[in-house]
Amino acid sequence: MPRWLVLLLVGVVLGVGGVLFLQNNYGPRQLTVEESNKLLGDLQSATLERQNLQTQLGQARSERDQSRSAQKKASADLAQANERIVTLTQTLRILQDAVPPDPRGGNIGVRWGEVTAGSGVANYRALVMREQAGQTPAFQGQFTVELSGTLNGRADTITSPPVAFTLDRFAPLQGSVALPDGFVPHKATLRVSDAQGRAQAMRIYFVRSASAGPAR
């Protein structure tokens, strides 16, 4: 065998031996099959957990966006509602001023009323208003309906039980009065008194038939 070939083989053996020596003593430790499998399993678990976290993050972002959209919509609806409240308040003030005053005058008056009768019941609606609102405590009042008519051909009168109400600027009132058998009402006197029963306002209306339709 030529000498150069021997030297080459010896060099190869020494190089391989040196590499193995350095790898075993100074290089990274070689993993066993069990350690490699465990490391691979841990890597797969970490990958799955990362995917789950990414999914949860996406859901959280979607819920956040939906919440922001709902909040924006709620804010827009609130702004529209406030605008409508302002418009309705202005319209209500105009209508309050447009309602004809009680002919008898006074701070408290019956500004409008309607009484209809039919099927043994008299239904009433009324609007009681006060000229000076917000300057004094709310008025605690009582409202009664006095019906004048005929009972079996003879004149008769019935009065409803008093209905308590609170009045600041206006108070819409409505209710019904049971009629005795054979009683036909013709006129209705709407009375307003304070909590002690002292008269404050009154107004007389003709009683319409429930089938006659609205008054003109």
Protein backbone atom coordinates (compact mmCIF):
# COMPACT_ATOMS: atom_id res chain seq x y z
CA MET A 1 0.00 0.00 0.00
CA PRO A 2 1.46 3.38 -0.91
CA ARG A 3 2.58 5.52 1.97
CA TRP A 4 0.43 8.46 0.95
CA LEU A 5 -2.66 6.29 1.03
CA VAL A 6 -1.79 5.10 4.51
CA LEU A 7 -1.34 8.70 5.65
CA LEU A 8 -4.67 9.64 4.07
CA LEU A 9 -6.54 6.85 5.82
CA VAL A 10 -4.88 7.65 9.13
CA GLY A 11 -5.86 11.32 8.68
CA VAL A 12 -9.46 10.35 7.91
CA VAL A 13 -9.62 8.13 10.98
CA LEU A 14 -8.11 10.82 13.18
CA GLY A 15 -10.52 13.45 11.75
CA VAL A 16 -13.54 11.26 12.35
CA GLY A 17 -12.33 10.42 15.83
CA GLY A 18 -11.77 14.09 16.60
CA VAL A 19 -15.22 15.02 15.39
CA LEU A 20 -16.81 12.30 17.53
CA PHE A 21 -14.71 13.35 20.51
CA LEU A 22 -15.67 17.01 20.19
CA GLN A 23 -19.34 16.14 19.60
CA ASN A 24 -19.53 13.86 22.64
CA ASN A 25 -17.66 16.13 24.99
CA TYR A 26 -18.31 19.69 23.79
CA GLY A 27 -21.19 19.51 21.30
CA PRO A 28 -24.96 19.42 22.03
CA ARG A 29 -26.21 16.32 23.75
CA GLN A 30 -27.82 13.76 21.47
CA LEU A 31 -31.42 12.93 22.32
CA THR A 32 -32.67 9.43 22.73
CA VAL A 33 -35.68 8.13 20.78
CA GLU A 34 -37.96 8.54 23.82
CA GLU A 35 -36.74 12.09 24.40
CA SER A 36 -37.21 12.93 20.74
CA ASN A 37 -40.79 11.56 20.79
CA LYS A 38 -41.57 13.51 23.96
CA LEU A 39 -40.15 16.69 22.48
CA LEU A 40 -42.19 16.18 19.31
CA GLY A 41 -45.35 15.65 21.39
CA ASP A 42 -44.69 18.83 23.37
CA LEU A 43 -44.19 20.73 20.14
CA GLN A 44 -47.48 19.46 18.75
CA SER A 45 -49.30 20.39 21.98
CA ALA A 46 -47.81 23.88 21.89
CA THR A 47 -48.87 24.23 18.26
CA LEU A 48 -52.46 23.22 19.09
CA GLU A 49 -52.57 25.55 22.06
CA ARG A 50 -51.29 28.40 19.92
CA GLN A 51 -54.01 27.69 17.34
CA ASN A 52 -56.67 27.66 20.08
CA LEU A 53 -55.38 30.94 21.44
CA GLN A 54 -55.45 32.45 17.97
CA THR A 55 -59.07 31.27 17.56
CA GLN A 56 -60.04 32.75 20.93
CA LEU A 57 -58.28 35.99 20.02
CA GLY A 58 -60.26 36.14 16.78
CA GLN A 59 -63.52 35.57 18.65
CA ALA A 60 -62.61 38.24 21.20
CA ARG A 61 -61.85 40.72 18.42
CA SER A 62 -65.14 39.87 16.69
CA GLU A 63 -67.08 40.39 19.95
CA ARG A 64 -65.22 43.65 20.52
CA ASP A 65 -66.15 44.87 17.03
CA GLN A 66 -69.79 43.84 17.56
CA SER A 67 -69.82 45.61 20.93
CA ARG A 68 -68.43 48.77 19.35
CA SER A 69 -71.03 48.60 16.58
CA ALA A 70 -73.83 48.10 19.13
CA GLN A 71 -72.50 51.01 21.19
CA LYS A 72 -72.38 53.26 18.14
CA LYS A 73 -75.93 52.26 17.20
CA ALA A 74 -77.13 52.85 20.77
CA SER A 75 -75.49 56.27 20.78
CA ALA A 76 -77.11 57.13 17.46
CA ASP A 77 -80.53 55.92 18.69
CA LEU A 78 -80.11 57.96 21.89
CA ALA A 79 -79.27 61.07 19.90
CA GLN A 80 -82.34 60.54 17.70
CA ALA A 81 -84.50 59.97 20.78
CA ASN A 82 -83.22 63.18 22.36
CA GLU A 83 -83.99 65.08 19.17
CA ARG A 84 -87.51 63.63 19.12
CA ILE A 85 -87.98 64.53 22.79
CA VAL A 86 -86.97 68.12 22.08
CA THR A 87 -89.33 68.25 19.08
CA LEU A 88 -92.21 66.69 21.01
CA THR A 89 -91.62 69.04 23.94
CA GLN A 90 -91.78 72.06 21.66
CA THR A 91 -94.88 70.69 19.92
CA LEU A 92 -96.52 69.99 23.27
CA ARG A 93 -95.90 73.55 24.42
CA ILE A 94 -97.44 74.88 21.23
CA LEU A 95 -100.48 72.65 21.66
CA GLN A 96 -100.84 73.65 25.29
CA ASP A 97 -100.92 77.30 24.32
CA ALA A 98 -103.35 76.55 21.49
CA VAL A 99 -105.94 74.85 23.73
CA PRO A 100 -108.80 77.32 24.39
CA PRO A 101 -108.85 78.57 28.00
CA ASP A 102 -111.58 77.75 30.46
CA PRO A 103 -114.28 80.43 29.96
CA ARG A 104 -114.53 80.87 33.73
CA GLY A 105 -110.86 81.84 33.97
CA GLY A 106 -108.75 81.09 37.00
CA ASN A 107 -105.39 79.44 37.46
CA ILE A 108 -106.85 75.93 37.17
CA GLY A 109 -109.42 75.11 34.52
CA VAL A 110 -111.04 72.34 32.52
CA ARG A 111 -109.68 73.16 29.08
CA TRP A 112 -111.41 70.35 27.18
CA GLY A 113 -113.83 67.54 27.88
CA GLU A 114 -115.90 64.84 26.23
CA VAL A 115 -118.54 62.47 27.66
CA THR A 116 -120.20 59.62 25.75
CA ALA A 117 -122.81 57.19 27.03
CA GLY A 118 -123.88 53.77 25.90
CA SER A 119 -124.48 50.21 27.13
CA GLY A 120 -124.99 51.35 30.72
CA VAL A 121 -121.67 53.20 30.93
CA ALA A 122 -120.67 56.87 30.54
CA ASN A 123 -117.08 57.33 29.38
CA TYR A 124 -115.35 60.64 29.97
CA ARG A 125 -112.13 62.30 28.86
CA ALA A 126 -110.91 65.68 30.08
CA LEU A 127 -107.88 67.92 30.03
CA VAL A 128 -107.21 69.93 33.19
CA MET A 129 -104.54 72.61 32.96
CA ARG A 130 -102.92 75.17 35.21
CA GLU A 131 -101.69 78.54 33.99
CA GLN A 132 -98.78 78.87 36.43
CA ALA A 133 -96.64 75.75 36.21
CA GLY A 134 -93.36 75.06 37.96
CA GLN A 135 -93.66 78.04 40.29
CA THR A 136 -95.53 76.30 43.10
CA PRO A 137 -95.72 72.68 44.30
CA ALA A 138 -97.80 70.36 42.16
CA PHE A 139 -101.53 70.70 42.71
CA GLN A 140 -103.14 67.71 44.41
CA GLY A 141 -106.70 67.63 43.17
CA GLN A 142 -109.86 65.57 42.86
CA PHE A 143 -111.95 65.12 39.74
CA THR A 144 -115.66 64.19 39.67
CA VAL A 145 -118.27 63.83 36.96
CA GLU A 146 -121.86 64.82 37.73
CA LEU A 147 -124.36 63.41 35.22
CA SER A 148 -127.83 64.98 34.90
CA GLY A 149 -130.56 63.15 33.04
CA THR A 150 -133.76 61.16 33.43
CA LEU A 151 -134.46 57.89 35.21
CA ASN A 152 -137.65 56.22 34.05
CA GLY A 153 -138.96 59.57 32.83
CA ARG A 154 -138.07 61.57 35.96
CA ALA A 155 -135.16 64.00 36.35
CA ASP A 156 -132.24 62.53 38.26
CA THR A 157 -128.54 63.14 38.91
CA ILE A 158 -125.66 60.79 39.71
CA THR A 159 -122.11 61.69 40.70
CA SER A 160 -118.98 59.61 40.17
CA PRO A 161 -116.58 58.88 43.04
CA PRO A 162 -113.73 61.47 43.17
CA VAL A 163 -110.56 60.58 41.34
CA ALA A 164 -107.32 61.93 42.83
CA PHE A 165 -104.76 63.41 40.42
CA THR A 166 -101.61 65.52 40.44
CA LEU A 167 -101.36 68.62 38.28
CA ASP A 168 -98.25 70.56 37.32
CA ARG A 169 -98.98 72.08 33.90
CA PHE A 170 -101.60 69.69 32.50
CA ALA A 171 -103.28 66.42 33.46
CA PRO A 172 -105.24 64.26 30.98
CA LEU A 173 -108.01 62.38 32.79
CA GLN A 174 -110.24 59.60 31.56
CA GLY A 175 -112.50 56.98 33.05
CA SER A 176 -116.05 55.64 33.12
CA VAL A 177 -119.15 55.88 35.30
CA ALA A 178 -121.62 53.00 35.62
CA LEU A 179 -125.19 54.09 34.88
CA PRO A 180 -128.26 52.73 36.72
CA ASP A 181 -130.75 50.78 34.64
CA GLY A 182 -133.06 53.16 32.83
CA PHE A 183 -130.92 56.26 33.46
CA VAL A 184 -130.34 58.44 30.38
CA PRO A 185 -127.71 61.19 30.91
CA HIS A 186 -128.05 64.47 29.06
CA LYS A 187 -125.49 66.81 30.62
CA ALA A 188 -122.18 66.25 32.41
CA THR A 189 -120.61 68.67 34.86
CA LEU A 190 -116.86 68.14 35.22
CA ARG A 191 -115.67 69.41 38.58
CA VAL A 192 -112.16 69.96 39.94
CA SER A 193 -111.54 70.46 43.65
CA ASP A 194 -108.48 70.46 45.87
CA ALA A 195 -107.56 67.74 48.35
CA GLN A 196 -109.81 69.38 50.97
CA GLY A 197 -112.81 69.35 48.61
CA ARG A 198 -112.82 73.08 47.82
CA ALA A 199 -114.04 73.83 44.30
CA GLN A 200 -111.39 75.00 41.84
CA ALA A 201 -112.95 74.63 38.39
CA MET A 202 -115.98 73.22 36.58
CA ARG A 203 -117.31 72.88 33.06
CA ILE A 204 -120.54 71.56 31.56
CA TYR A 205 -120.76 69.39 28.43
CA PHE A 206 -123.60 67.67 26.66
CA VAL A 207 -123.46 63.88 26.78
CA ARG A 208 -123.23 62.26 23.36
CA SER A 209 -124.29 58.79 22.41
CA ALA A 210 -121.40 56.38 22.03
CA SER A 211 -122.63 55.46 18.53
CA ALA A 212 -122.91 59.07 17.37
CA GLY A 213 -119.21 59.41 16.54
CA PRO A 214 -116.90 62.31 17.43
CA ALA A 215 -118.37 65.75 17.94
CA ARG A 216 -117.80 68.33 15.25
